[in-house]
Amino acid sequence: MGKTESSDIIFGILYASAAIFLFVASYMLYLKRFRRNKLVSVDEVVFSTSRYDEYGAKTQFLIELSATNHVKVKLLNQDEKDVAILLDREMPAGENVMDFDPSVYENGVYYLSLITEGTTILRRIKIAVAQ
């Protein structure tokens, strides 16, 4: 084994060690930065009821929030024009119940619009109150 070959091997080992060290150091810095700037999950909102989309009697809607949020629920007619504001207040995280009495509205097709910061849900409903 000549002097040139042994020095090539030593430099190769040094280069490989330096590359591994740089890779490990960059990965550790990446992990440290990621832990410091934790990602915030997108707010999730669930708007549901135990009935189908046809209402003829008082019912309740379940609004589930992943974080405290201002919630606005509007009733819109078929042309998507405002008919009434059913709810407009701050609600805590978790399950919240909204009462709905369709008997004060005319029979027909409507839309429920739920609006929070970052979320809008539009749901088609039918009001069919027995006359």
N, C-alpha and C. Protein backbone atom coordinates (compact mmCIF):
# COMPACT_ATOMS: atom_id res chain seq x y z
N MET A 1 0.84 -1.16 0.00
CA MET A 1 0.00 0.00 0.00
C MET A 1 0.89 1.23 0.00
N GLY A 2 0.68 2.12 -0.97
CA GLY A 2 1.52 3.29 -1.09
C GLY A 2 1.01 4.44 -0.25
N LYS A 3 1.86 5.47 -0.19
CA LYS A 3 1.52 6.65 0.61
C LYS A 3 0.31 7.35 0.04
N THR A 4 0.17 7.39 -1.27
CA THR A 4 -0.95 8.07 -1.92
C THR A 4 -2.25 7.33 -1.63
N GLU A 5 -2.22 6.01 -1.68
CA GLU A 5 -3.43 5.23 -1.43
C GLU A 5 -3.91 5.39 0.00
N SER A 6 -3.01 5.37 0.98
CA SER A 6 -3.42 5.50 2.38
C SER A 6 -3.94 6.89 2.66
N SER A 7 -3.35 7.91 2.06
CA SER A 7 -3.86 9.28 2.28
C SER A 7 -5.23 9.45 1.61
N ASP A 8 -5.47 8.80 0.47
CA ASP A 8 -6.79 8.83 -0.17
C ASP A 8 -7.84 8.18 0.72
N ILE A 9 -7.48 7.08 1.36
CA ILE A 9 -8.41 6.39 2.26
C ILE A 9 -8.73 7.27 3.47
N ILE A 10 -7.70 7.88 4.05
CA ILE A 10 -7.90 8.74 5.22
C ILE A 10 -8.77 9.94 4.85
N PHE A 11 -8.49 10.60 3.72
CA PHE A 11 -9.31 11.73 3.28
C PHE A 11 -10.75 11.29 2.97
N GLY A 12 -10.90 10.11 2.40
CA GLY A 12 -12.24 9.58 2.11
C GLY A 12 -13.03 9.38 3.40
N ILE A 13 -12.37 8.82 4.41
CA ILE A 13 -13.03 8.62 5.70
C ILE A 13 -13.39 9.97 6.32
N LEU A 14 -12.49 10.94 6.23
CA LEU A 14 -12.76 12.29 6.78
C LEU A 14 -13.93 12.95 6.05
N TYR A 15 -13.95 12.87 4.73
CA TYR A 15 -15.05 13.45 3.96
C TYR A 15 -16.38 12.78 4.30
N ALA A 16 -16.37 11.44 4.39
CA ALA A 16 -17.60 10.72 4.72
C ALA A 16 -18.08 11.08 6.13
N SER A 17 -17.13 11.17 7.07
CA SER A 17 -17.49 11.55 8.45
C SER A 17 -18.06 12.97 8.49
N ALA A 18 -17.46 13.89 7.76
CA ALA A 18 -17.95 15.27 7.71
C ALA A 18 -19.35 15.33 7.10
N ALA A 19 -19.58 14.56 6.04
CA ALA A 19 -20.90 14.54 5.40
C ALA A 19 -21.95 13.99 6.35
N ILE A 20 -21.62 12.92 7.07
CA ILE A 20 -22.56 12.36 8.04
C ILE A 20 -22.83 13.35 9.16
N PHE A 21 -21.77 14.01 9.65
CA PHE A 21 -21.93 15.00 10.71
C PHE A 21 -22.84 16.15 10.24
N LEU A 22 -22.64 16.66 9.04
CA LEU A 22 -23.47 17.75 8.52
C LEU A 22 -24.92 17.31 8.36
N PHE A 23 -25.13 16.09 7.90
CA PHE A 23 -26.49 15.58 7.74
C PHE A 23 -27.20 15.48 9.09
N VAL A 24 -26.52 14.91 10.08
CA VAL A 24 -27.11 14.76 11.42
C VAL A 24 -27.36 16.13 12.04
N ALA A 25 -26.41 17.06 11.93
CA ALA A 25 -26.57 18.40 12.50
C ALA A 25 -27.74 19.13 11.84
N SER A 26 -27.88 19.04 10.51
CA SER A 26 -29.01 19.71 9.83
C SER A 26 -30.34 19.10 10.25
N TYR A 27 -30.36 17.78 10.40
CA TYR A 27 -31.60 17.12 10.80
C TYR A 27 -31.99 17.54 12.22
N MET A 28 -31.04 17.64 13.11
CA MET A 28 -31.32 18.07 14.49
C MET A 28 -31.83 19.51 14.51
N LEU A 29 -31.24 20.39 13.70
CA LEU A 29 -31.72 21.77 13.63
C LEU A 29 -33.14 21.83 13.08
N TYR A 30 -33.41 21.00 12.09
CA TYR A 30 -34.76 20.94 11.52
C TYR A 30 -35.76 20.50 12.59
N LEU A 31 -35.45 19.45 13.34
CA LEU A 31 -36.35 18.98 14.39
C LEU A 31 -36.54 20.03 15.48
N LYS A 32 -35.47 20.71 15.84
CA LYS A 32 -35.56 21.75 16.88
C LYS A 32 -36.47 22.88 16.41
N ARG A 33 -36.34 23.28 15.18
CA ARG A 33 -37.16 24.36 14.64
C ARG A 33 -38.62 23.92 14.52
N PHE A 34 -38.85 22.69 14.11
CA PHE A 34 -40.21 22.17 13.95
C PHE A 34 -40.92 22.12 15.30
N ARG A 35 -40.23 21.69 16.35
CA ARG A 35 -40.84 21.64 17.68
C ARG A 35 -41.16 23.03 18.19
N ARG A 36 -40.34 24.00 17.88
CA ARG A 36 -40.56 25.37 18.36
C ARG A 36 -41.77 26.00 17.66
N ASN A 37 -41.95 25.75 16.39
CA ASN A 37 -43.06 26.31 15.61
C ASN A 37 -44.09 25.23 15.33
N LYS A 38 -44.76 24.77 16.36
CA LYS A 38 -45.74 23.71 16.18
C LYS A 38 -46.84 24.18 15.25
N LEU A 39 -47.30 23.28 14.43
CA LEU A 39 -48.37 23.59 13.50
C LEU A 39 -49.69 23.65 14.25
N VAL A 40 -50.53 24.60 13.90
CA VAL A 40 -51.86 24.71 14.49
C VAL A 40 -52.83 24.05 13.53
N SER A 41 -53.63 23.13 14.06
CA SER A 41 -54.57 22.44 13.18
C SER A 41 -55.67 23.39 12.73
N VAL A 42 -56.20 23.12 11.57
CA VAL A 42 -57.29 23.91 11.04
C VAL A 42 -58.53 23.64 11.88
N ASP A 43 -59.28 24.71 12.20
CA ASP A 43 -60.50 24.53 12.98
C ASP A 43 -61.46 23.64 12.23
N GLU A 44 -62.02 22.70 12.96
CA GLU A 44 -63.02 21.83 12.37
C GLU A 44 -64.37 22.18 12.95
N VAL A 45 -65.35 22.22 12.11
CA VAL A 45 -66.72 22.53 12.52
C VAL A 45 -67.62 21.45 11.95
N VAL A 46 -68.48 20.90 12.81
CA VAL A 46 -69.45 19.90 12.38
C VAL A 46 -70.83 20.48 12.67
N PHE A 47 -71.72 20.42 11.68
CA PHE A 47 -73.07 20.99 11.78
C PHE A 47 -74.03 19.87 11.43
N SER A 48 -74.69 19.29 12.45
CA SER A 48 -75.54 18.13 12.17
C SER A 48 -76.82 18.15 12.99
N THR A 49 -77.73 17.26 12.62
CA THR A 49 -78.99 17.08 13.33
C THR A 49 -79.34 15.60 13.32
N SER A 50 -80.23 15.23 14.20
CA SER A 50 -80.61 13.81 14.27
C SER A 50 -81.67 13.46 13.23
N ARG A 51 -82.24 14.47 12.59
CA ARG A 51 -83.28 14.23 11.58
C ARG A 51 -82.71 14.38 10.18
N TYR A 52 -83.59 14.11 9.21
CA TYR A 52 -83.20 14.32 7.81
C TYR A 52 -83.29 15.81 7.49
N ASP A 53 -83.27 16.17 6.24
CA ASP A 53 -83.27 17.58 5.85
C ASP A 53 -84.68 18.14 5.65
N GLU A 54 -85.71 17.50 6.18
CA GLU A 54 -87.07 18.02 6.10
C GLU A 54 -87.58 18.23 7.52
N TYR A 55 -88.03 19.46 7.81
CA TYR A 55 -88.40 19.82 9.18
C TYR A 55 -89.84 20.32 9.23
N GLY A 56 -90.61 19.79 10.17
CA GLY A 56 -91.98 20.21 10.36
C GLY A 56 -92.27 20.51 11.81
N ALA A 57 -91.33 20.23 12.68
CA ALA A 57 -91.49 20.47 14.11
C ALA A 57 -90.17 20.97 14.67
N LYS A 58 -90.23 21.43 15.91
CA LYS A 58 -89.01 21.93 16.55
C LYS A 58 -87.94 20.85 16.54
N THR A 59 -86.71 21.27 16.33
CA THR A 59 -85.58 20.35 16.29
C THR A 59 -84.36 21.06 16.85
N GLN A 60 -83.29 20.32 16.99
CA GLN A 60 -82.03 20.89 17.46
C GLN A 60 -80.92 20.53 16.49
N PHE A 61 -80.03 21.47 16.30
CA PHE A 61 -78.84 21.24 15.50
C PHE A 61 -77.65 21.16 16.43
N LEU A 62 -76.74 20.27 16.14
CA LEU A 62 -75.52 20.12 16.91
C LEU A 62 -74.39 20.82 16.18
N ILE A 63 -73.72 21.71 16.87
CA ILE A 63 -72.57 22.43 16.32
C ILE A 63 -71.37 22.03 17.15
N GLU A 64 -70.44 21.32 16.53
CA GLU A 64 -69.23 20.89 17.22
C GLU A 64 -68.06 21.74 16.76
N LEU A 65 -67.36 22.35 17.72
CA LEU A 65 -66.23 23.22 17.41
C LEU A 65 -64.96 22.66 18.04
N SER A 66 -63.85 22.75 17.34
CA SER A 66 -62.58 22.30 17.89
C SER A 66 -61.94 23.38 18.77
N ALA A 67 -62.39 24.62 18.63
CA ALA A 67 -61.89 25.72 19.46
C ALA A 67 -63.00 26.75 19.62
N THR A 68 -62.90 27.59 20.65
CA THR A 68 -63.88 28.65 20.84
C THR A 68 -63.91 29.52 19.60
N ASN A 69 -65.12 29.85 19.14
CA ASN A 69 -65.24 30.58 17.88
C ASN A 69 -66.56 31.36 17.86
N HIS A 70 -66.60 32.43 17.09
CA HIS A 70 -67.84 33.17 16.87
C HIS A 70 -68.61 32.44 15.76
N VAL A 71 -69.87 32.11 16.05
CA VAL A 71 -70.68 31.33 15.12
C VAL A 71 -71.90 32.15 14.72
N LYS A 72 -72.16 32.18 13.42
CA LYS A 72 -73.34 32.85 12.89
C LYS A 72 -74.08 31.85 12.01
N VAL A 73 -75.37 31.65 12.30
CA VAL A 73 -76.20 30.75 11.50
C VAL A 73 -77.35 31.57 10.95
N LYS A 74 -77.47 31.55 9.61
CA LYS A 74 -78.54 32.30 8.94
C LYS A 74 -79.43 31.35 8.17
N LEU A 75 -80.70 31.72 8.08
CA LEU A 75 -81.65 31.00 7.25
C LEU A 75 -81.81 31.80 5.97
N LEU A 76 -81.60 31.15 4.83
CA LEU A 76 -81.67 31.81 3.52
C LEU A 76 -82.81 31.19 2.73
N ASN A 77 -83.44 31.99 1.86
CA ASN A 77 -84.49 31.43 1.00
C ASN A 77 -83.85 30.77 -0.22
N GLN A 78 -84.69 30.33 -1.17
CA GLN A 78 -84.18 29.62 -2.36
C GLN A 78 -83.25 30.49 -3.19
N ASP A 79 -83.44 31.80 -3.15
CA ASP A 79 -82.57 32.72 -3.90
C ASP A 79 -81.34 33.11 -3.11
N GLU A 80 -81.12 32.44 -1.96
CA GLU A 80 -80.00 32.69 -1.06
C GLU A 80 -80.01 34.10 -0.48
N LYS A 81 -81.21 34.64 -0.27
CA LYS A 81 -81.39 35.93 0.41
C LYS A 81 -81.67 35.65 1.88
N ASP A 82 -81.17 36.52 2.75
CA ASP A 82 -81.36 36.33 4.20
C ASP A 82 -82.83 36.38 4.58
N VAL A 83 -83.26 35.40 5.35
CA VAL A 83 -84.62 35.36 5.89
C VAL A 83 -84.55 35.69 7.38
N ALA A 84 -83.60 35.08 8.09
CA ALA A 84 -83.45 35.30 9.53
C ALA A 84 -82.04 34.93 9.98
N ILE A 85 -81.61 35.57 11.05
CA ILE A 85 -80.36 35.17 11.70
C ILE A 85 -80.78 34.33 12.90
N LEU A 86 -80.44 33.06 12.87
CA LEU A 86 -80.86 32.13 13.91
C LEU A 86 -79.91 32.12 15.10
N LEU A 87 -78.65 32.44 14.86
CA LEU A 87 -77.64 32.42 15.92
C LEU A 87 -76.51 33.36 15.53
N ASP A 88 -76.04 34.14 16.50
CA ASP A 88 -74.93 35.05 16.24
C ASP A 88 -74.24 35.33 17.57
N ARG A 89 -73.33 34.40 17.96
CA ARG A 89 -72.66 34.56 19.25
C ARG A 89 -71.39 33.73 19.32
N GLU A 90 -70.60 34.01 20.34
CA GLU A 90 -69.38 33.26 20.63
C GLU A 90 -69.80 31.92 21.26
N MET A 91 -69.17 30.84 20.78
CA MET A 91 -69.48 29.51 21.32
C MET A 91 -68.19 28.83 21.75
N PRO A 92 -68.25 28.10 22.87
CA PRO A 92 -67.04 27.41 23.35
C PRO A 92 -66.73 26.17 22.53
N ALA A 93 -65.52 25.68 22.67
CA ALA A 93 -65.12 24.45 21.99
C ALA A 93 -65.96 23.30 22.53
N GLY A 94 -66.20 22.33 21.67
CA GLY A 94 -66.99 21.16 22.07
C GLY A 94 -68.34 21.16 21.40
N GLU A 95 -69.28 20.43 22.00
CA GLU A 95 -70.61 20.29 21.43
C GLU A 95 -71.52 21.40 21.93
N ASN A 96 -72.21 22.05 21.02
CA ASN A 96 -73.17 23.11 21.32
C ASN A 96 -74.47 22.80 20.60
N VAL A 97 -75.59 23.14 21.23
CA VAL A 97 -76.89 22.83 20.65
C VAL A 97 -77.59 24.14 20.27
N MET A 98 -78.20 24.13 19.08
CA MET A 98 -78.98 25.28 18.60
C MET A 98 -80.41 24.80 18.35
N ASP A 99 -81.38 25.44 18.99
CA ASP A 99 -82.79 25.11 18.78
C ASP A 99 -83.29 25.77 17.50
N PHE A 100 -84.18 25.06 16.79
CA PHE A 100 -84.74 25.58 15.54
C PHE A 100 -86.22 25.24 15.49
N ASP A 101 -87.06 26.28 15.33
CA ASP A 101 -88.51 26.11 15.23
C ASP A 101 -88.95 26.52 13.83
N PRO A 102 -89.20 25.55 12.95
CA PRO A 102 -89.56 25.88 11.56
C PRO A 102 -91.00 26.37 11.40
N SER A 103 -91.82 26.26 12.44
CA SER A 103 -93.24 26.60 12.32
C SER A 103 -93.48 28.10 12.09
N VAL A 104 -92.48 28.93 12.32
CA VAL A 104 -92.66 30.37 12.10
C VAL A 104 -92.32 30.79 10.67
N TYR A 105 -91.93 29.83 9.85
CA TYR A 105 -91.56 30.12 8.46
C TYR A 105 -92.53 29.41 7.51
N GLU A 106 -92.65 29.93 6.30
CA GLU A 106 -93.52 29.31 5.29
C GLU A 106 -92.88 28.01 4.80
N ASN A 107 -93.73 27.09 4.36
CA ASN A 107 -93.22 25.84 3.79
C ASN A 107 -92.42 26.14 2.53
N GLY A 108 -91.36 25.37 2.33
CA GLY A 108 -90.54 25.54 1.14
C GLY A 108 -89.11 25.10 1.36
N VAL A 109 -88.29 25.36 0.37
CA VAL A 109 -86.88 25.00 0.41
C VAL A 109 -86.08 26.21 0.90
N TYR A 110 -85.19 25.96 1.85
CA TYR A 110 -84.35 27.00 2.43
C TYR A 110 -82.91 26.48 2.51
N TYR A 111 -82.03 27.37 2.91
CA TYR A 111 -80.65 27.00 3.16
C TYR A 111 -80.27 27.49 4.55
N LEU A 112 -79.49 26.67 5.26
CA LEU A 112 -78.89 27.08 6.52
C LEU A 112 -77.43 27.40 6.23
N SER A 113 -77.01 28.57 6.63
CA SER A 113 -75.63 29.00 6.41
C SER A 113 -74.95 29.17 7.76
N LEU A 114 -73.95 28.35 8.03
CA LEU A 114 -73.18 28.45 9.25
C LEU A 114 -71.83 29.06 8.90
N ILE A 115 -71.49 30.14 9.59
CA ILE A 115 -70.24 30.86 9.29
C ILE A 115 -69.44 31.01 10.57
N THR A 116 -68.18 30.58 10.53
CA THR A 116 -67.23 30.82 11.61
C THR A 116 -65.97 31.38 10.97
N GLU A 117 -65.02 31.73 11.79
CA GLU A 117 -63.76 32.22 11.25
C GLU A 117 -63.06 31.06 10.56
N GLY A 118 -62.97 31.10 9.25
CA GLY A 118 -62.29 30.06 8.49
C GLY A 118 -63.18 28.94 7.98
N THR A 119 -64.48 28.95 8.31
CA THR A 119 -65.36 27.87 7.86
C THR A 119 -66.71 28.43 7.45
N THR A 120 -67.23 27.95 6.33
CA THR A 120 -68.59 28.27 5.91
C THR A 120 -69.24 26.97 5.46
N ILE A 121 -70.42 26.70 6.03
CA ILE A 121 -71.16 25.50 5.66
C ILE A 121 -72.54 25.94 5.18
N LEU A 122 -72.94 25.49 4.01
CA LEU A 122 -74.26 25.80 3.45
C LEU A 122 -75.00 24.48 3.32
N ARG A 123 -76.18 24.41 3.93
CA ARG A 123 -76.93 23.17 3.96
C ARG A 123 -78.35 23.41 3.50
N ARG A 124 -78.82 22.61 2.56
CA ARG A 124 -80.18 22.72 2.01
C ARG A 124 -81.14 22.01 2.94
N ILE A 125 -82.27 22.67 3.29
CA ILE A 125 -83.30 22.05 4.11
C ILE A 125 -84.66 22.32 3.49
N LYS A 126 -85.65 21.55 3.92
CA LYS A 126 -87.01 21.75 3.45
C LYS A 126 -87.89 21.90 4.70
N ILE A 127 -88.68 22.95 4.72
CA ILE A 127 -89.62 23.16 5.82
C ILE A 127 -90.99 22.74 5.32
N ALA A 128 -91.59 21.79 6.03
CA ALA A 128 -92.90 21.26 5.67
C ALA A 128 -93.73 21.13 6.94
N VAL A 129 -94.26 22.25 7.38
CA VAL A 129 -95.08 22.28 8.59
C VAL A 129 -96.53 21.96 8.22
N ALA A 130 -97.14 21.04 8.95
CA ALA A 130 -98.54 20.68 8.69
C ALA A 130 -99.43 21.87 8.99
N GLN A 131 -100.33 22.20 8.07
CA GLN A 131 -101.19 23.38 8.23
C GLN A 131 -102.46 23.04 8.94
